[in-house]
C-alpha cells in the first residue's frame, strides 16, 4: 500500500484543471479566476481588483440604454478598398475576417435610444473590429450620428475605444479626423450636448479628434488614453516620461479628462449629466 507515498495534489492546480472551458476566465491584472456569469453581472469588471475588461457595443447598449430602446442606424455603410492595400494580407480579407469574427459591420455602431427616459443619439466603438480603427466608414457614420442629433435636437453620447487611424485606407483615414471635428462644430452651434466616454484603449487619430472634443469627457478606470505610444514620445521629446502618464487617472489629474468613473456608476452619471446639460 504505497498510496501514502504519492505526492499530495496541488489544490489550486486541481481546481484549475476542473474549470469547464468557456465558463471561467482569468483577470489579466490580479490573476483571479472568475466565473463568466458573475463577471457579466458585475458589468465585466473584476470584483477583486476592479479591472475593467474590454467590451463592445452590444454590452454598452445593454447596460447604458433603456431596455429595448436602441435602434441601430446607418447599417448599410460598408468599408471599401480604394487603395487595393495589402500588408501581410489584403485589406478586403481583413474586413471579411472582421465581419465574421465580430459579427459587426464596422468599428463604430450608431443608433437612436433612450437613457433614463431621455432620447439620445448613441455611438460605440468596437475594438474587436480591426482594433477599433477609424476609416472612412467610421468617420461617415460619426458624421451622420451628428446629423441625427441635429435633426432630432438630441444629445450625442459616444463610447470610444480605438487603436487610431486605419492605415489600410491611408490619407482617406486621416481625413476623418478633420471631418468628425468639423461636424461637431455644428453640434456646438446648436447647443446640443456631446459626451464622450473613453475606454481602454483610446488612442491615435480618434483621441486627436472626436474623443477629446466632448463637452464632458468621462473615462473608465485604468483606460489607456493617448495619441502616440510612449516610445515615440520619448524619442521625440528626449525626456523620460512619468509612470502611467497615459492612464485615465493621470489625465484627470492634469485636466484632460473631467472624471474617472467605475463602469457600475456610468449610467447614473450620464443620466445626471444629461439632466444638467439639457
Protein backbone atom coordinates (compact mmCIF):
# COMPACT_ATOMS: atom_id res chain seq x y z
CA UNK A 1 0.00 0.00 0.00
CA UNK A 2 2.02 2.89 -1.31
CA UNK A 3 -0.84 5.33 -1.60
CA UNK A 4 0.60 7.44 1.25
CA UNK A 5 3.81 7.94 -0.72
CA UNK A 6 2.12 9.67 -3.59
CA UNK A 7 2.66 13.39 -4.00
CA UNK A 8 -0.02 15.48 -2.34
CA UNK A 9 -2.13 17.09 -5.09
CA UNK A 10 -1.88 20.85 -5.56
CA UNK A 11 -5.38 22.09 -4.74
CA UNK A 12 -5.05 25.16 -6.98
CA UNK A 13 -3.83 23.08 -9.95
CA UNK A 14 -6.63 20.56 -9.44
CA UNK A 15 -9.18 23.33 -9.29
CA UNK A 16 -7.89 24.90 -12.50
CA UNK A 17 -7.99 21.56 -14.32
CA UNK A 18 -11.61 21.16 -13.32
CA UNK A 19 -12.66 24.58 -14.61
CA UNK A 20 -15.06 23.98 -17.53
CA UNK A 21 -13.70 25.62 -20.65
CA UNK A 22 -15.67 28.68 -21.63
CA UNK A 23 -17.32 29.16 -18.22
CA UNK A 24 -14.38 30.78 -16.47
CA UNK A 25 -11.84 33.45 -17.28
CA UNK A 26 -8.73 34.89 -15.68
CA UNK A 27 -8.32 38.52 -14.70
CA UNK A 28 -5.27 39.88 -16.56
CA UNK A 29 -4.41 42.20 -13.68
CA UNK A 30 -4.78 40.16 -10.47
CA UNK A 31 -4.99 36.64 -11.99
CA UNK A 32 -8.21 35.85 -10.14
CA UNK A 33 -10.27 33.04 -11.68
CA UNK A 34 -13.69 34.49 -12.43
CA UNK A 35 -16.96 32.80 -13.28
CA UNK A 36 -18.10 34.44 -16.51
CA UNK A 37 -21.71 34.82 -15.38
CA UNK A 38 -20.51 36.63 -12.26
CA UNK A 39 -18.25 38.80 -14.41
CA UNK A 40 -21.19 39.67 -16.67
CA UNK A 41 -23.36 40.57 -13.67
CA UNK A 42 -20.53 42.82 -12.48
CA UNK A 43 -20.55 44.64 -15.86
CA UNK A 44 -17.34 42.92 -16.94
CA UNK A 45 -15.25 44.34 -14.11
CA UNK A 46 -13.17 42.20 -11.78
CA UNK A 47 -14.74 42.01 -8.30
CA UNK A 48 -11.26 41.51 -6.81
CA UNK A 49 -9.23 44.36 -8.31
CA UNK A 50 -11.87 46.36 -10.33
CA UNK A 51 -10.02 45.73 -13.61
CA UNK A 52 -12.29 46.80 -16.48
CA UNK A 53 -12.39 44.20 -19.24
CA UNK A 54 -12.68 45.41 -22.83
CA UNK A 55 -16.22 45.07 -24.11
CA UNK A 56 -18.08 46.17 -27.23
CA UNK A 57 -21.18 47.99 -28.34
CA UNK A 58 -23.60 45.18 -27.51
CA UNK A 59 -22.61 45.21 -23.86
CA UNK A 60 -22.62 49.00 -23.54
CA UNK A 61 -26.03 49.22 -25.20
CA UNK A 62 -27.36 46.57 -22.81
CA UNK A 63 -26.42 48.33 -19.56
CA UNK A 64 -26.36 52.01 -20.56
CA UNK A 65 -29.54 52.41 -22.58
CA UNK A 66 -33.12 51.77 -21.55
CA UNK A 67 -34.30 48.25 -22.31
CA UNK A 68 -35.32 47.66 -25.94
CA UNK A 69 -34.93 51.34 -26.81
CA UNK A 70 -31.95 51.08 -29.17
CA UNK A 71 -32.48 51.29 -32.93
CA UNK A 72 -29.29 50.90 -34.96
CA UNK A 73 -28.74 53.35 -37.80
CA UNK A 74 -26.62 53.53 -40.97
CA UNK A 75 -26.05 49.78 -41.13
CA UNK A 76 -25.84 49.95 -44.93
CA UNK A 77 -22.39 51.59 -44.86
CA UNK A 78 -19.52 49.19 -45.54
CA UNK A 79 -15.81 49.82 -45.98
CA UNK A 80 -14.36 49.72 -49.48
CA UNK A 81 -10.75 49.10 -50.53
CA UNK A 82 -9.89 52.15 -52.68
CA UNK A 83 -6.13 51.64 -52.40
CA UNK A 84 -6.17 47.87 -53.01
CA UNK A 85 -3.99 47.77 -49.91
CA UNK A 86 -2.00 44.69 -48.95
CA UNK A 87 0.20 44.25 -45.89
CA UNK A 88 0.56 40.69 -44.60
CA UNK A 89 -2.81 40.06 -46.22
CA UNK A 90 -5.23 42.02 -48.45
CA UNK A 91 -7.35 44.64 -46.71
CA UNK A 92 -10.51 43.10 -48.17
CA UNK A 93 -9.65 39.81 -46.49
CA UNK A 94 -9.09 41.61 -43.18
CA UNK A 95 -12.54 43.15 -43.49
CA UNK A 96 -14.16 39.80 -44.22
CA UNK A 97 -12.45 38.25 -41.21
CA UNK A 98 -13.58 41.15 -39.02
CA UNK A 99 -17.19 40.79 -40.19
CA UNK A 100 -17.10 37.08 -39.44
CA UNK A 101 -15.28 37.12 -36.09
CA UNK A 102 -17.01 40.16 -34.55
CA UNK A 103 -20.49 39.86 -36.05
CA UNK A 104 -20.34 43.62 -36.64
CA UNK A 105 -20.43 45.67 -39.82
CA UNK A 106 -17.90 48.30 -38.67
CA UNK A 107 -15.75 49.58 -35.83
CA UNK A 108 -18.44 52.12 -34.90
CA UNK A 109 -22.03 51.24 -34.08
CA UNK A 110 -24.53 54.13 -34.11
CA UNK A 111 -28.18 54.38 -33.28
CA UNK A 112 -31.08 56.05 -31.51
CA UNK A 113 -32.11 55.19 -27.99
CA UNK A 114 -33.17 56.37 -24.57
CA UNK A 115 -31.07 56.81 -21.45
CA UNK A 116 -33.10 57.12 -18.24
CA UNK A 117 -36.08 58.10 -20.38
CA UNK A 118 -34.27 60.80 -22.35
CA UNK A 119 -33.89 60.36 -26.13
CA UNK A 120 -30.27 60.39 -27.27
CA UNK A 121 -28.15 59.54 -30.28
CA UNK A 122 -25.65 56.89 -29.23
CA UNK A 123 -22.40 55.65 -30.72
CA UNK A 124 -19.99 52.99 -29.51
CA UNK A 125 -16.68 51.87 -30.96
CA UNK A 126 -15.71 48.21 -31.12
CA UNK A 127 -12.04 47.41 -30.55
CA UNK A 128 -12.69 43.86 -31.77
CA UNK A 129 -13.22 45.21 -35.31
CA UNK A 130 -9.70 45.81 -36.69
CA UNK A 131 -8.60 47.39 -33.42
CA UNK A 132 -11.42 49.95 -33.46
CA UNK A 133 -9.54 51.79 -36.18
CA UNK A 134 -11.11 54.83 -37.83
CA UNK A 135 -11.53 54.51 -41.56
CA UNK A 136 -13.81 56.32 -44.00
CA UNK A 137 -16.96 54.50 -42.87
CA UNK A 138 -16.31 55.19 -39.18
CA UNK A 139 -15.90 58.89 -39.98
CA UNK A 140 -19.03 58.94 -42.12
CA UNK A 141 -21.12 57.08 -39.52
CA UNK A 142 -19.98 59.54 -36.87
CA UNK A 143 -20.88 62.49 -39.10
CA UNK A 144 -24.33 61.00 -39.73
CA UNK A 145 -24.80 60.46 -35.99
CA UNK A 146 -24.12 64.17 -35.50
CA UNK A 147 -26.69 64.93 -38.22
CA UNK A 148 -29.20 62.66 -36.44
CA UNK A 149 -28.64 64.58 -33.20
CA UNK A 150 -29.13 67.90 -35.00
CA UNK A 151 -32.29 66.72 -36.73
CA UNK A 152 -33.85 65.43 -33.51
CA UNK A 153 -32.46 68.05 -31.15
CA UNK A 154 -30.98 65.24 -29.05
CA UNK A 155 -27.69 64.97 -27.16
CA UNK A 156 -24.94 62.74 -28.56
CA UNK A 157 -23.16 60.18 -26.37
CA UNK A 158 -20.21 58.24 -27.79
CA UNK A 159 -18.19 55.45 -26.16
CA UNK A 160 -14.67 55.44 -27.61
CA UNK A 161 -12.19 52.58 -27.99
CA UNK A 162 -9.64 52.72 -30.78
CA UNK A 163 -6.13 51.96 -31.89
CA UNK A 164 -6.18 55.01 -34.16
CA UNK A 165 -6.45 55.60 -37.89
CA UNK A 166 -6.95 52.65 -40.25
CA UNK A 167 -3.66 52.51 -42.09
CA UNK A 168 -5.10 50.38 -44.90
CA UNK A 169 -7.00 53.45 -46.09
CA UNK A 170 -4.04 55.83 -45.99
CA UNK A 171 -4.78 59.56 -46.18
CA UNK A 172 -8.50 58.82 -46.53
CA UNK A 173 -8.42 57.59 -42.96
CA UNK A 174 -6.54 60.66 -41.69
CA UNK A 175 -9.11 62.92 -43.35
CA UNK A 176 -11.75 61.58 -40.94
CA UNK A 177 -10.11 63.49 -38.08
CA UNK A 178 -10.95 66.83 -39.70
CA UNK A 179 -14.34 65.58 -40.88
CA UNK A 180 -15.53 64.46 -37.45
CA UNK A 181 -14.18 67.58 -35.71
CA UNK A 182 -15.90 69.83 -38.24
CA UNK A 183 -19.20 68.03 -37.75
CA UNK A 184 -19.01 68.66 -34.02
CA UNK A 185 -18.85 72.43 -34.55
CA UNK A 186 -22.42 72.21 -35.86
CA UNK A 187 -23.47 70.39 -32.70
CA UNK A 188 -21.83 73.08 -30.57
CA UNK A 189 -23.53 75.87 -32.54
CA UNK A 190 -26.88 74.17 -31.95
CA UNK A 191 -26.03 74.00 -28.22
CA UNK A 192 -26.63 70.26 -28.08
CA UNK A 193 -24.63 68.27 -25.50
CA UNK A 194 -21.87 65.92 -26.62
CA UNK A 195 -20.46 63.48 -24.06
CA UNK A 196 -17.60 61.07 -24.67
CA UNK A 197 -16.69 58.01 -22.62
CA UNK A 198 -13.06 56.94 -23.07
CA UNK A 199 -12.39 53.24 -22.56
CA UNK A 200 -9.31 51.06 -22.87
CA UNK A 201 -7.69 51.84 -25.24
CA UNK A 202 -8.49 55.20 -26.83
CA UNK A 203 -5.51 56.21 -28.91
CA UNK A 204 -4.28 57.69 -32.19
CA UNK A 205 -6.46 59.71 -34.53
CA UNK A 206 -9.63 59.09 -32.54
CA UNK A 207 -8.03 60.66 -29.46
CA UNK A 208 -6.79 63.53 -31.63
CA UNK A 209 -10.30 64.21 -32.92
CA UNK A 210 -13.78 63.45 -31.64
CA UNK A 211 -12.83 61.52 -28.48
CA UNK A 212 -11.34 64.59 -26.77
CA UNK A 213 -13.88 67.13 -28.05
CA UNK A 214 -16.71 66.23 -25.69
CA UNK A 215 -18.42 68.90 -23.59
CA UNK A 216 -17.86 66.37 -20.81
CA UNK A 217 -15.12 63.75 -21.10
CA UNK A 218 -15.57 60.68 -18.91
CA UNK A 219 -13.07 57.82 -18.65
CA UNK A 220 -13.16 54.33 -17.23
CA UNK A 221 -10.56 53.45 -14.57
CA UNK A 222 -7.18 52.44 -15.90
CA UNK A 223 -8.05 53.20 -19.53
CA UNK A 224 -5.08 53.77 -21.83
CA UNK A 225 -5.59 57.17 -23.47
CA UNK A 226 -3.14 58.96 -25.71
CA UNK A 227 -2.06 59.82 -29.23
CA UNK A 228 1.32 58.20 -29.88
CA UNK A 229 3.00 55.39 -27.98
CA UNK A 230 5.42 56.08 -25.10
CA UNK A 231 8.49 55.07 -27.13
CA UNK A 232 7.63 57.51 -29.93
CA UNK A 233 7.04 60.34 -27.45
CA UNK A 234 10.29 59.67 -25.58
CA UNK A 235 12.23 59.67 -28.85
CA UNK A 236 10.60 62.93 -29.94
CA UNK A 237 10.94 64.80 -26.63
CA UNK A 238 14.20 63.21 -25.42
CA UNK A 239 12.66 63.04 -21.95
CA UNK A 240 11.80 60.26 -19.52
CA UNK A 241 8.02 60.03 -19.18
CA UNK A 242 6.15 59.83 -15.84
CA UNK A 243 4.83 56.45 -14.78
CA UNK A 244 1.28 55.87 -16.02
CA UNK A 245 1.16 59.16 -17.92
CA UNK A 246 -1.30 57.76 -20.47
CA UNK A 247 -3.75 56.31 -17.97
CA UNK A 248 -7.13 57.81 -17.20
CA UNK A 249 -6.26 58.80 -13.63
CA UNK A 250 -3.13 60.71 -14.68
CA UNK A 251 -5.07 62.55 -17.38
CA UNK A 252 -7.76 63.52 -14.90
CA UNK A 253 -5.14 64.93 -12.53
CA UNK A 254 -3.78 67.06 -15.39
CA UNK A 255 -7.11 68.33 -16.66
CA UNK A 256 -7.51 66.30 -19.87
CA UNK A 257 -10.38 64.19 -18.51
CA UNK A 258 -13.27 65.51 -16.42
CA UNK A 259 -13.89 62.40 -14.33
CA UNK A 260 -12.90 58.75 -14.00
CA UNK A 261 -15.90 56.58 -13.20
CA UNK A 262 -16.36 52.89 -12.46
CA UNK A 263 -18.50 51.18 -15.06
CA UNK A 264 -21.21 50.50 -12.49
CA UNK A 265 -21.62 54.25 -11.96
CA UNK A 266 -21.56 55.18 -15.65
CA UNK A 267 -25.28 55.03 -16.44
CA UNK A 268 -26.42 57.11 -13.42
CA UNK A 269 -23.64 59.63 -14.07
CA UNK A 270 -24.64 60.04 -17.74
CA UNK A 271 -28.27 60.44 -16.69
CA UNK A 272 -27.32 63.25 -14.27
CA UNK A 273 -25.10 64.97 -16.83
CA UNK A 274 -27.83 64.89 -19.47
CA UNK A 275 -30.30 66.37 -16.99
CA UNK A 276 -27.88 69.22 -16.28
CA UNK A 277 -26.77 69.88 -19.85
CA UNK A 278 -30.24 69.61 -21.39
